[in-house]
Amino acid sequence: MSETDPADAPGSDAGLDAVTVTIDAPPELVYDMVADITRMGEWSPECYSCRWVGRRREPVVGARFIGFNKRGWARWFTTNQVERAERGRSFVFRTRETGVRWGYELAGAGEGTRVTETRDIGDARQWLIKLSGPFVGGVDTHADELREGMRQTLDRLKAAAEARADESDTGADT
């Protein structure tokens, strides 16, 4: 189960949404899963697919990718650029169109990983977010859905990472 606590998130402020979950898997495994943007559609209820574009096609600073999103009948894509990529610690990217910064901060938690997904709208283009609001059901409604989507994303990531960690543990015993 995930928890929402913006005050616990790094750099927390009024423009930051954050959801945190603890996953029973090592930070490197969890990082490899969230930083593989081609798998984002497995976790996210809104972003159903991503693909790398340009020369860099891996999670490194400066790499770019396109995210394909849906909400009801609305479909749109975003272009994104990786801003931070520290294996086992942090994966952050910014959406070019809106300026929203999405991130995954990871920290060891016993034998597992505490993962915080953030959506930072502090430097976002608020006018564009408001302009597109009616197409995605309203700004406030969509923000609420994005927070719920962050919870779902982390819960799905948790299930997949823990299943993969269990497979690794089982394979190591044989």
N, C-alpha and C. Protein backbone atom coordinates (compact mmCIF):
# COMPACT_ATOMS: atom_id res chain seq x y z
N MET A 1 0.84 -1.18 0.00
CA MET A 1 0.00 0.00 0.00
C MET A 1 0.89 1.24 0.00
N SER A 2 0.53 2.23 -0.77
CA SER A 2 1.33 3.44 -0.85
C SER A 2 0.75 4.51 0.06
N GLU A 3 1.59 5.46 0.37
CA GLU A 3 1.16 6.56 1.22
C GLU A 3 1.48 7.87 0.51
N THR A 4 0.66 8.88 0.74
CA THR A 4 0.91 10.19 0.16
C THR A 4 1.35 11.10 1.28
N ASP A 5 2.53 11.67 1.15
CA ASP A 5 3.01 12.59 2.16
C ASP A 5 4.00 13.55 1.53
N PRO A 6 3.50 14.65 0.94
CA PRO A 6 4.40 15.59 0.30
C PRO A 6 5.48 16.12 1.23
N ALA A 7 5.22 16.19 2.52
CA ALA A 7 6.21 16.71 3.45
C ALA A 7 7.44 15.81 3.55
N ASP A 8 7.29 14.53 3.23
CA ASP A 8 8.41 13.60 3.29
C ASP A 8 9.27 13.64 2.03
N ALA A 9 8.76 14.25 0.98
CA ALA A 9 9.47 14.23 -0.30
C ALA A 9 10.63 15.22 -0.28
N PRO A 10 11.73 14.86 -0.97
CA PRO A 10 12.85 15.78 -1.05
C PRO A 10 12.43 17.08 -1.73
N GLY A 11 12.83 18.23 -1.20
CA GLY A 11 12.54 19.51 -1.82
C GLY A 11 11.06 19.85 -1.81
N SER A 12 10.31 19.36 -0.83
CA SER A 12 8.88 19.51 -0.83
C SER A 12 8.45 20.97 -0.76
N ASP A 13 7.41 21.32 -1.53
CA ASP A 13 6.81 22.64 -1.51
C ASP A 13 5.40 22.52 -2.06
N ALA A 14 4.72 23.65 -2.17
CA ALA A 14 3.32 23.64 -2.57
C ALA A 14 3.12 23.09 -3.98
N GLY A 15 4.12 23.16 -4.84
CA GLY A 15 3.98 22.67 -6.20
C GLY A 15 4.39 21.22 -6.38
N LEU A 16 4.52 20.49 -5.27
CA LEU A 16 5.03 19.13 -5.35
C LEU A 16 4.01 18.13 -4.82
N ASP A 17 3.67 17.15 -5.65
CA ASP A 17 2.89 16.00 -5.21
C ASP A 17 3.87 14.86 -5.02
N ALA A 18 3.65 14.04 -4.01
CA ALA A 18 4.54 12.91 -3.77
C ALA A 18 3.76 11.74 -3.20
N VAL A 19 4.12 10.56 -3.65
CA VAL A 19 3.55 9.31 -3.14
C VAL A 19 4.72 8.39 -2.86
N THR A 20 4.68 7.70 -1.72
CA THR A 20 5.78 6.85 -1.30
C THR A 20 5.29 5.45 -1.01
N VAL A 21 6.12 4.47 -1.36
CA VAL A 21 5.85 3.07 -1.07
C VAL A 21 7.18 2.39 -0.74
N THR A 22 7.12 1.38 0.10
CA THR A 22 8.31 0.58 0.38
C THR A 22 8.17 -0.74 -0.36
N ILE A 23 9.21 -1.08 -1.11
CA ILE A 23 9.22 -2.27 -1.95
C ILE A 23 10.25 -3.25 -1.42
N ASP A 24 9.86 -4.50 -1.31
CA ASP A 24 10.76 -5.54 -0.83
C ASP A 24 11.63 -6.04 -1.99
N ALA A 25 12.53 -5.16 -2.43
CA ALA A 25 13.46 -5.46 -3.52
C ALA A 25 14.60 -4.44 -3.42
N PRO A 26 15.79 -4.80 -3.90
CA PRO A 26 16.93 -3.89 -3.80
C PRO A 26 16.77 -2.64 -4.67
N PRO A 27 17.35 -1.51 -4.25
CA PRO A 27 17.22 -0.25 -5.01
C PRO A 27 17.66 -0.36 -6.46
N GLU A 28 18.70 -1.11 -6.76
CA GLU A 28 19.17 -1.22 -8.14
C GLU A 28 18.13 -1.90 -9.03
N LEU A 29 17.48 -2.92 -8.52
CA LEU A 29 16.44 -3.61 -9.30
C LEU A 29 15.26 -2.67 -9.55
N VAL A 30 14.83 -1.96 -8.51
CA VAL A 30 13.71 -1.02 -8.65
C VAL A 30 14.08 0.09 -9.63
N TYR A 31 15.28 0.62 -9.52
CA TYR A 31 15.73 1.67 -10.45
C TYR A 31 15.70 1.16 -11.88
N ASP A 32 16.24 -0.02 -12.10
CA ASP A 32 16.28 -0.56 -13.46
C ASP A 32 14.88 -0.66 -14.06
N MET A 33 13.89 -0.92 -13.22
CA MET A 33 12.51 -1.03 -13.70
C MET A 33 11.93 0.35 -14.02
N VAL A 34 12.07 1.34 -13.14
CA VAL A 34 11.47 2.65 -13.41
C VAL A 34 12.23 3.41 -14.49
N ALA A 35 13.54 3.21 -14.58
CA ALA A 35 14.33 3.92 -15.58
C ALA A 35 14.20 3.30 -16.97
N ASP A 36 13.63 2.11 -17.07
CA ASP A 36 13.35 1.50 -18.38
C ASP A 36 12.00 2.05 -18.84
N ILE A 37 12.04 3.24 -19.45
CA ILE A 37 10.80 3.94 -19.79
C ILE A 37 9.93 3.14 -20.76
N THR A 38 10.50 2.17 -21.46
CA THR A 38 9.69 1.36 -22.37
C THR A 38 8.71 0.48 -21.60
N ARG A 39 8.87 0.36 -20.28
CA ARG A 39 7.97 -0.44 -19.45
C ARG A 39 6.95 0.42 -18.70
N MET A 40 6.99 1.74 -18.85
CA MET A 40 6.11 2.62 -18.09
C MET A 40 4.63 2.25 -18.25
N GLY A 41 4.25 1.78 -19.41
CA GLY A 41 2.86 1.37 -19.64
C GLY A 41 2.42 0.21 -18.75
N GLU A 42 3.36 -0.54 -18.21
CA GLU A 42 3.02 -1.64 -17.29
C GLU A 42 2.60 -1.11 -15.93
N TRP A 43 3.08 0.11 -15.56
CA TRP A 43 2.82 0.62 -14.23
C TRP A 43 1.75 1.72 -14.23
N SER A 44 1.84 2.63 -15.19
CA SER A 44 1.01 3.83 -15.17
C SER A 44 -0.38 3.62 -15.75
N PRO A 45 -1.42 4.16 -15.09
CA PRO A 45 -2.76 4.07 -15.66
C PRO A 45 -3.00 5.12 -16.76
N GLU A 46 -2.15 6.15 -16.87
CA GLU A 46 -2.36 7.19 -17.88
C GLU A 46 -1.35 7.10 -19.02
N CYS A 47 -0.10 6.89 -18.72
CA CYS A 47 0.93 6.77 -19.76
C CYS A 47 1.00 5.31 -20.17
N TYR A 48 0.52 5.03 -21.37
CA TYR A 48 0.42 3.62 -21.78
C TYR A 48 1.61 3.13 -22.58
N SER A 49 2.51 4.05 -22.98
CA SER A 49 3.68 3.61 -23.74
C SER A 49 4.71 4.73 -23.78
N CYS A 50 5.98 4.36 -23.83
CA CYS A 50 7.07 5.33 -24.01
C CYS A 50 8.09 4.73 -24.96
N ARG A 51 8.78 5.62 -25.67
CA ARG A 51 9.87 5.14 -26.52
C ARG A 51 10.95 6.20 -26.61
N TRP A 52 12.19 5.72 -26.57
CA TRP A 52 13.35 6.59 -26.68
C TRP A 52 13.41 7.22 -28.06
N VAL A 53 13.89 8.46 -28.14
CA VAL A 53 14.13 9.13 -29.42
C VAL A 53 15.50 9.78 -29.36
N GLY A 54 16.10 9.98 -30.52
CA GLY A 54 17.42 10.59 -30.57
C GLY A 54 18.53 9.56 -30.44
N ARG A 55 19.74 10.06 -30.26
CA ARG A 55 20.92 9.18 -30.21
C ARG A 55 21.01 8.37 -28.93
N ARG A 56 20.70 8.98 -27.81
CA ARG A 56 20.79 8.28 -26.52
C ARG A 56 19.48 7.55 -26.26
N ARG A 57 19.55 6.26 -26.16
CA ARG A 57 18.35 5.45 -25.97
C ARG A 57 18.48 4.61 -24.72
N GLU A 58 18.83 5.31 -23.65
CA GLU A 58 19.01 4.66 -22.35
C GLU A 58 18.85 5.74 -21.28
N PRO A 59 18.66 5.33 -20.04
CA PRO A 59 18.43 6.31 -18.98
C PRO A 59 19.70 7.04 -18.55
N VAL A 60 20.08 8.06 -19.34
CA VAL A 60 21.21 8.92 -19.01
C VAL A 60 20.76 10.37 -19.14
N VAL A 61 21.41 11.25 -18.40
CA VAL A 61 21.07 12.67 -18.46
C VAL A 61 21.15 13.15 -19.90
N GLY A 62 20.09 13.84 -20.33
CA GLY A 62 20.03 14.37 -21.69
C GLY A 62 19.25 13.50 -22.66
N ALA A 63 19.06 12.22 -22.33
CA ALA A 63 18.30 11.33 -23.22
C ALA A 63 16.85 11.82 -23.30
N ARG A 64 16.24 11.61 -24.47
CA ARG A 64 14.86 12.06 -24.68
C ARG A 64 13.96 10.87 -25.00
N PHE A 65 12.70 11.02 -24.65
CA PHE A 65 11.71 10.00 -24.98
C PHE A 65 10.34 10.61 -25.16
N ILE A 66 9.50 9.89 -25.86
CA ILE A 66 8.11 10.29 -26.06
C ILE A 66 7.24 9.42 -25.19
N GLY A 67 6.29 10.04 -24.50
CA GLY A 67 5.31 9.32 -23.69
C GLY A 67 3.94 9.43 -24.35
N PHE A 68 3.25 8.32 -24.47
CA PHE A 68 1.90 8.30 -25.06
C PHE A 68 0.90 8.11 -23.93
N ASN A 69 -0.06 9.02 -23.85
CA ASN A 69 -0.97 9.08 -22.72
C ASN A 69 -2.42 8.99 -23.16
N LYS A 70 -3.26 8.57 -22.21
CA LYS A 70 -4.70 8.50 -22.47
C LYS A 70 -5.46 8.81 -21.20
N ARG A 71 -6.62 9.39 -21.39
CA ARG A 71 -7.56 9.64 -20.30
C ARG A 71 -8.94 9.68 -20.94
N GLY A 72 -9.73 8.66 -20.69
CA GLY A 72 -11.02 8.57 -21.36
C GLY A 72 -10.81 8.54 -22.86
N TRP A 73 -11.49 9.42 -23.57
CA TRP A 73 -11.36 9.48 -25.02
C TRP A 73 -10.14 10.29 -25.47
N ALA A 74 -9.57 11.09 -24.58
CA ALA A 74 -8.44 11.96 -24.94
C ALA A 74 -7.15 11.14 -25.06
N ARG A 75 -6.38 11.46 -26.09
CA ARG A 75 -5.08 10.84 -26.33
C ARG A 75 -4.10 11.96 -26.66
N TRP A 76 -2.88 11.89 -26.13
CA TRP A 76 -1.87 12.89 -26.43
C TRP A 76 -0.49 12.29 -26.17
N PHE A 77 0.51 12.97 -26.68
CA PHE A 77 1.87 12.52 -26.40
C PHE A 77 2.66 13.68 -25.82
N THR A 78 3.72 13.32 -25.12
CA THR A 78 4.61 14.32 -24.54
C THR A 78 6.04 13.99 -24.93
N THR A 79 6.87 15.02 -24.98
CA THR A 79 8.30 14.79 -25.18
C THR A 79 8.97 15.10 -23.85
N ASN A 80 9.92 14.27 -23.49
CA ASN A 80 10.52 14.33 -22.16
C ASN A 80 12.03 14.21 -22.26
N GLN A 81 12.71 14.78 -21.29
CA GLN A 81 14.17 14.68 -21.25
C GLN A 81 14.61 14.30 -19.85
N VAL A 82 15.53 13.34 -19.79
CA VAL A 82 16.07 12.88 -18.51
C VAL A 82 16.96 13.97 -17.93
N GLU A 83 16.69 14.32 -16.67
CA GLU A 83 17.49 15.33 -15.97
C GLU A 83 18.42 14.74 -14.92
N ARG A 84 18.04 13.59 -14.37
CA ARG A 84 18.88 12.93 -13.37
C ARG A 84 18.72 11.43 -13.55
N ALA A 85 19.83 10.72 -13.52
CA ALA A 85 19.82 9.26 -13.66
C ALA A 85 20.97 8.70 -12.83
N GLU A 86 20.65 8.34 -11.59
CA GLU A 86 21.63 7.77 -10.67
C GLU A 86 21.13 6.40 -10.25
N ARG A 87 21.72 5.36 -10.81
CA ARG A 87 21.24 4.00 -10.58
C ARG A 87 21.12 3.70 -9.09
N GLY A 88 19.95 3.20 -8.73
CA GLY A 88 19.68 2.85 -7.34
C GLY A 88 19.29 4.02 -6.47
N ARG A 89 19.27 5.25 -7.03
CA ARG A 89 19.01 6.43 -6.21
C ARG A 89 17.94 7.36 -6.77
N SER A 90 18.02 7.70 -8.07
CA SER A 90 17.14 8.75 -8.57
C SER A 90 16.99 8.69 -10.09
N PHE A 91 15.75 8.84 -10.55
CA PHE A 91 15.47 8.97 -11.99
C PHE A 91 14.45 10.09 -12.14
N VAL A 92 14.85 11.17 -12.83
CA VAL A 92 14.00 12.36 -12.95
C VAL A 92 13.99 12.80 -14.41
N PHE A 93 12.80 13.17 -14.89
CA PHE A 93 12.69 13.71 -16.24
C PHE A 93 11.69 14.86 -16.25
N ARG A 94 11.85 15.74 -17.24
CA ARG A 94 10.97 16.89 -17.39
C ARG A 94 10.18 16.75 -18.70
N THR A 95 8.90 17.05 -18.61
CA THR A 95 8.04 17.06 -19.79
C THR A 95 8.19 18.41 -20.46
N ARG A 96 8.63 18.39 -21.70
CA ARG A 96 8.94 19.63 -22.42
C ARG A 96 7.72 20.55 -22.56
N GLU A 97 6.60 20.01 -22.92
CA GLU A 97 5.43 20.85 -23.21
C GLU A 97 4.95 21.64 -22.00
N THR A 98 4.90 21.02 -20.85
CA THR A 98 4.35 21.68 -19.67
C THR A 98 5.40 22.15 -18.67
N GLY A 99 6.59 21.58 -18.74
CA GLY A 99 7.62 21.90 -17.75
C GLY A 99 7.49 21.11 -16.47
N VAL A 100 6.52 20.19 -16.39
CA VAL A 100 6.36 19.37 -15.19
C VAL A 100 7.55 18.42 -15.07
N ARG A 101 8.06 18.31 -13.85
CA ARG A 101 9.18 17.40 -13.59
C ARG A 101 8.64 16.19 -12.81
N TRP A 102 8.86 15.00 -13.37
CA TRP A 102 8.47 13.74 -12.74
C TRP A 102 9.73 13.07 -12.21
N GLY A 103 9.63 12.46 -11.05
CA GLY A 103 10.81 11.83 -10.51
C GLY A 103 10.52 10.62 -9.64
N TYR A 104 11.53 9.80 -9.51
CA TYR A 104 11.51 8.63 -8.63
C TYR A 104 12.77 8.71 -7.78
N GLU A 105 12.58 8.90 -6.48
CA GLU A 105 13.69 8.95 -5.54
C GLU A 105 13.69 7.63 -4.78
N LEU A 106 14.83 6.97 -4.71
CA LEU A 106 14.95 5.65 -4.08
C LEU A 106 15.93 5.72 -2.92
N ALA A 107 15.60 5.01 -1.85
CA ALA A 107 16.50 4.93 -0.70
C ALA A 107 16.37 3.54 -0.08
N GLY A 108 17.48 3.02 0.37
CA GLY A 108 17.45 1.73 1.04
C GLY A 108 16.55 1.80 2.27
N ALA A 109 15.80 0.72 2.48
CA ALA A 109 14.90 0.61 3.64
C ALA A 109 15.01 -0.82 4.14
N GLY A 110 15.96 -1.06 5.05
CA GLY A 110 16.21 -2.44 5.47
C GLY A 110 16.76 -3.21 4.28
N GLU A 111 16.09 -4.29 3.93
CA GLU A 111 16.50 -5.06 2.75
C GLU A 111 15.72 -4.66 1.51
N GLY A 112 14.90 -3.63 1.62
CA GLY A 112 14.08 -3.18 0.51
C GLY A 112 14.43 -1.77 0.08
N THR A 113 13.45 -1.13 -0.56
CA THR A 113 13.64 0.21 -1.12
C THR A 113 12.43 1.07 -0.83
N ARG A 114 12.67 2.26 -0.34
CA ARG A 114 11.61 3.26 -0.19
C ARG A 114 11.63 4.10 -1.46
N VAL A 115 10.51 4.09 -2.19
CA VAL A 115 10.41 4.80 -3.47
C VAL A 115 9.40 5.94 -3.31
N THR A 116 9.81 7.12 -3.70
CA THR A 116 8.90 8.26 -3.72
C THR A 116 8.79 8.75 -5.15
N GLU A 117 7.57 8.71 -5.69
CA GLU A 117 7.31 9.30 -7.00
C GLU A 117 6.85 10.72 -6.78
N THR A 118 7.44 11.65 -7.53
CA THR A 118 7.08 13.06 -7.39
C THR A 118 6.60 13.64 -8.71
N ARG A 119 5.73 14.62 -8.57
CA ARG A 119 5.27 15.43 -9.71
C ARG A 119 5.42 16.88 -9.27
N ASP A 120 6.44 17.53 -9.81
CA ASP A 120 6.80 18.88 -9.40
C ASP A 120 6.31 19.87 -10.46
N ILE A 121 5.33 20.69 -10.08
CA ILE A 121 4.79 21.68 -11.01
C ILE A 121 5.28 23.09 -10.66
N GLY A 122 6.28 23.17 -9.78
CA GLY A 122 6.81 24.46 -9.36
C GLY A 122 7.31 25.33 -10.50
N ASP A 123 7.97 24.74 -11.48
CA ASP A 123 8.48 25.49 -12.63
C ASP A 123 7.67 25.21 -13.90
N ALA A 124 6.48 24.65 -13.73
CA ALA A 124 5.67 24.27 -14.90
C ALA A 124 5.02 25.49 -15.55
N ARG A 125 4.62 25.30 -16.77
CA ARG A 125 3.89 26.33 -17.52
C ARG A 125 2.42 26.24 -17.13
N GLN A 126 2.06 26.94 -16.06
CA GLN A 126 0.71 26.86 -15.50
C GLN A 126 -0.35 27.22 -16.53
N TRP A 127 -0.07 28.18 -17.40
CA TRP A 127 -1.06 28.60 -18.39
C TRP A 127 -1.40 27.45 -19.33
N LEU A 128 -0.40 26.64 -19.69
CA LEU A 128 -0.63 25.52 -20.59
C LEU A 128 -1.40 24.41 -19.88
N ILE A 129 -1.08 24.18 -18.62
CA ILE A 129 -1.80 23.18 -17.84
C ILE A 129 -3.27 23.57 -17.74
N LYS A 130 -3.55 24.85 -17.47
CA LYS A 130 -4.93 25.33 -17.37
C LYS A 130 -5.64 25.27 -18.71
N LEU A 131 -4.93 25.62 -19.78
CA LEU A 131 -5.51 25.60 -21.12
C LEU A 131 -5.91 24.18 -21.53
N SER A 132 -5.09 23.20 -21.20
CA SER A 132 -5.39 21.82 -21.59
C SER A 132 -6.37 21.15 -20.63
N GLY A 133 -6.61 21.76 -19.47
CA GLY A 133 -7.50 21.18 -18.46
C GLY A 133 -8.84 20.69 -18.97
N PRO A 134 -9.57 21.51 -19.75
CA PRO A 134 -10.89 21.05 -20.22
C PRO A 134 -10.84 19.78 -21.06
N PHE A 135 -9.71 19.54 -21.72
CA PHE A 135 -9.60 18.35 -22.57
C PHE A 135 -9.33 17.08 -21.78
N VAL A 136 -8.90 17.24 -20.54
CA VAL A 136 -8.64 16.07 -19.70
C VAL A 136 -9.54 16.05 -18.47
N GLY A 137 -10.65 16.81 -18.53
CA GLY A 137 -11.65 16.74 -17.48
C GLY A 137 -11.54 17.81 -16.42
N GLY A 138 -10.71 18.82 -16.64
CA GLY A 138 -10.55 19.89 -15.65
C GLY A 138 -9.23 19.77 -14.92
N VAL A 139 -8.64 20.90 -14.60
CA VAL A 139 -7.31 20.92 -13.99
C VAL A 139 -7.33 20.24 -12.62
N ASP A 140 -8.26 20.64 -11.74
CA ASP A 140 -8.30 20.07 -10.39
C ASP A 140 -8.60 18.59 -10.43
N THR A 141 -9.57 18.19 -11.24
CA THR A 141 -9.93 16.78 -11.36
C THR A 141 -8.75 15.98 -11.89
N HIS A 142 -8.08 16.51 -12.89
CA HIS A 142 -6.95 15.79 -13.46
C HIS A 142 -5.80 15.68 -12.46
N ALA A 143 -5.56 16.73 -11.68
CA ALA A 143 -4.50 16.68 -10.66
C ALA A 143 -4.82 15.58 -9.64
N ASP A 144 -6.09 15.47 -9.23
CA ASP A 144 -6.49 14.40 -8.31
C ASP A 144 -6.26 13.04 -8.94
N GLU A 145 -6.62 12.92 -10.22
CA GLU A 145 -6.41 11.64 -10.91
C GLU A 145 -4.93 11.32 -11.06
N LEU A 146 -4.11 12.34 -11.29
CA LEU A 146 -2.67 12.10 -11.39
C LEU A 146 -2.11 11.58 -10.07
N ARG A 147 -2.57 12.16 -8.95
CA ARG A 147 -2.12 11.67 -7.63
C ARG A 147 -2.54 10.22 -7.44
N GLU A 148 -3.77 9.90 -7.78
CA GLU A 148 -4.23 8.51 -7.67
C GLU A 148 -3.44 7.62 -8.63
N GLY A 149 -3.14 8.13 -9.81
CA GLY A 149 -2.33 7.38 -10.77
C GLY A 149 -0.93 7.11 -10.25
N MET A 150 -0.36 8.05 -9.51
CA MET A 150 0.95 7.84 -8.90
C MET A 150 0.88 6.70 -7.90
N ARG A 151 -0.19 6.66 -7.12
CA ARG A 151 -0.37 5.54 -6.17
C ARG A 151 -0.46 4.21 -6.92
N GLN A 152 -1.28 4.19 -7.97
CA GLN A 152 -1.43 2.96 -8.75
C GLN A 152 -0.11 2.56 -9.39
N THR A 153 0.62 3.53 -9.92
CA THR A 153 1.91 3.25 -10.54
C THR A 153 2.85 2.58 -9.56
N LEU A 154 2.97 3.14 -8.36
CA LEU A 154 3.88 2.57 -7.38
C LEU A 154 3.39 1.22 -6.87
N ASP A 155 2.10 1.05 -6.71
CA ASP A 155 1.57 -0.25 -6.28
C ASP A 155 1.86 -1.33 -7.32
N ARG A 156 1.70 -0.98 -8.60
CA ARG A 156 1.99 -1.94 -9.69
C ARG A 156 3.49 -2.23 -9.78
N LEU A 157 4.28 -1.18 -9.63
CA LEU A 157 5.74 -1.36 -9.63
C LEU A 157 6.16 -2.26 -8.47
N LYS A 158 5.58 -2.04 -7.31
CA LYS A 158 5.87 -2.85 -6.12
C LYS A 158 5.59 -4.32 -6.39
N ALA A 159 4.42 -4.61 -6.93
CA ALA A 159 4.05 -6.01 -7.20
C ALA A 159 5.04 -6.65 -8.18
N ALA A 160 5.37 -5.93 -9.25
CA ALA A 160 6.29 -6.48 -10.26
C ALA A 160 7.70 -6.62 -9.71
N ALA A 161 8.19 -5.63 -8.98
CA ALA A 161 9.56 -5.69 -8.44
C ALA A 161 9.69 -6.80 -7.41
N GLU A 162 8.68 -6.94 -6.55
CA GLU A 162 8.75 -8.00 -5.53
C GLU A 162 8.66 -9.38 -6.16
N ALA A 163 7.87 -9.53 -7.22
CA ALA A 163 7.81 -10.81 -7.92
C ALA A 163 9.16 -11.12 -8.56
N ARG A 164 9.78 -10.10 -9.14
CA ARG A 164 11.09 -10.29 -9.79
C ARG A 164 12.16 -10.60 -8.75
N ALA A 165 12.11 -9.92 -7.60
CA ALA A 165 13.08 -10.19 -6.54
C ALA A 165 12.92 -11.61 -6.01
N ASP A 166 11.65 -12.05 -5.89
CA ASP A 166 11.39 -13.43 -5.45
C ASP A 166 11.96 -14.44 -6.43
N GLU A 167 11.81 -14.15 -7.75
CA GLU A 167 12.36 -15.04 -8.78
C GLU A 167 13.88 -15.10 -8.66
N SER A 168 14.50 -13.95 -8.41
CA SER A 168 15.97 -13.90 -8.27
C SER A 168 16.42 -14.70 -7.05
N ASP A 169 15.66 -14.56 -5.94
CA ASP A 169 15.99 -15.29 -4.73
C ASP A 169 15.87 -16.80 -4.94
N THR A 170 14.80 -17.19 -5.64
CA THR A 170 14.56 -18.60 -5.90
C THR A 170 15.65 -19.16 -6.82
N GLY A 171 16.01 -18.38 -7.83
CA GLY A 171 17.06 -18.81 -8.77
C GLY A 171 18.40 -18.93 -8.10
N ALA A 172 18.65 -18.07 -7.09
CA ALA A 172 19.94 -18.12 -6.39
C ALA A 172 20.05 -19.35 -5.50
N ASP A 173 18.92 -19.90 -5.10
CA ASP A 173 18.94 -21.06 -4.18
C ASP A 173 19.14 -22.38 -4.93
N THR A 174 18.97 -22.37 -6.22
CA THR A 174 19.08 -23.63 -6.97
C THR A 174 20.44 -23.87 -7.52
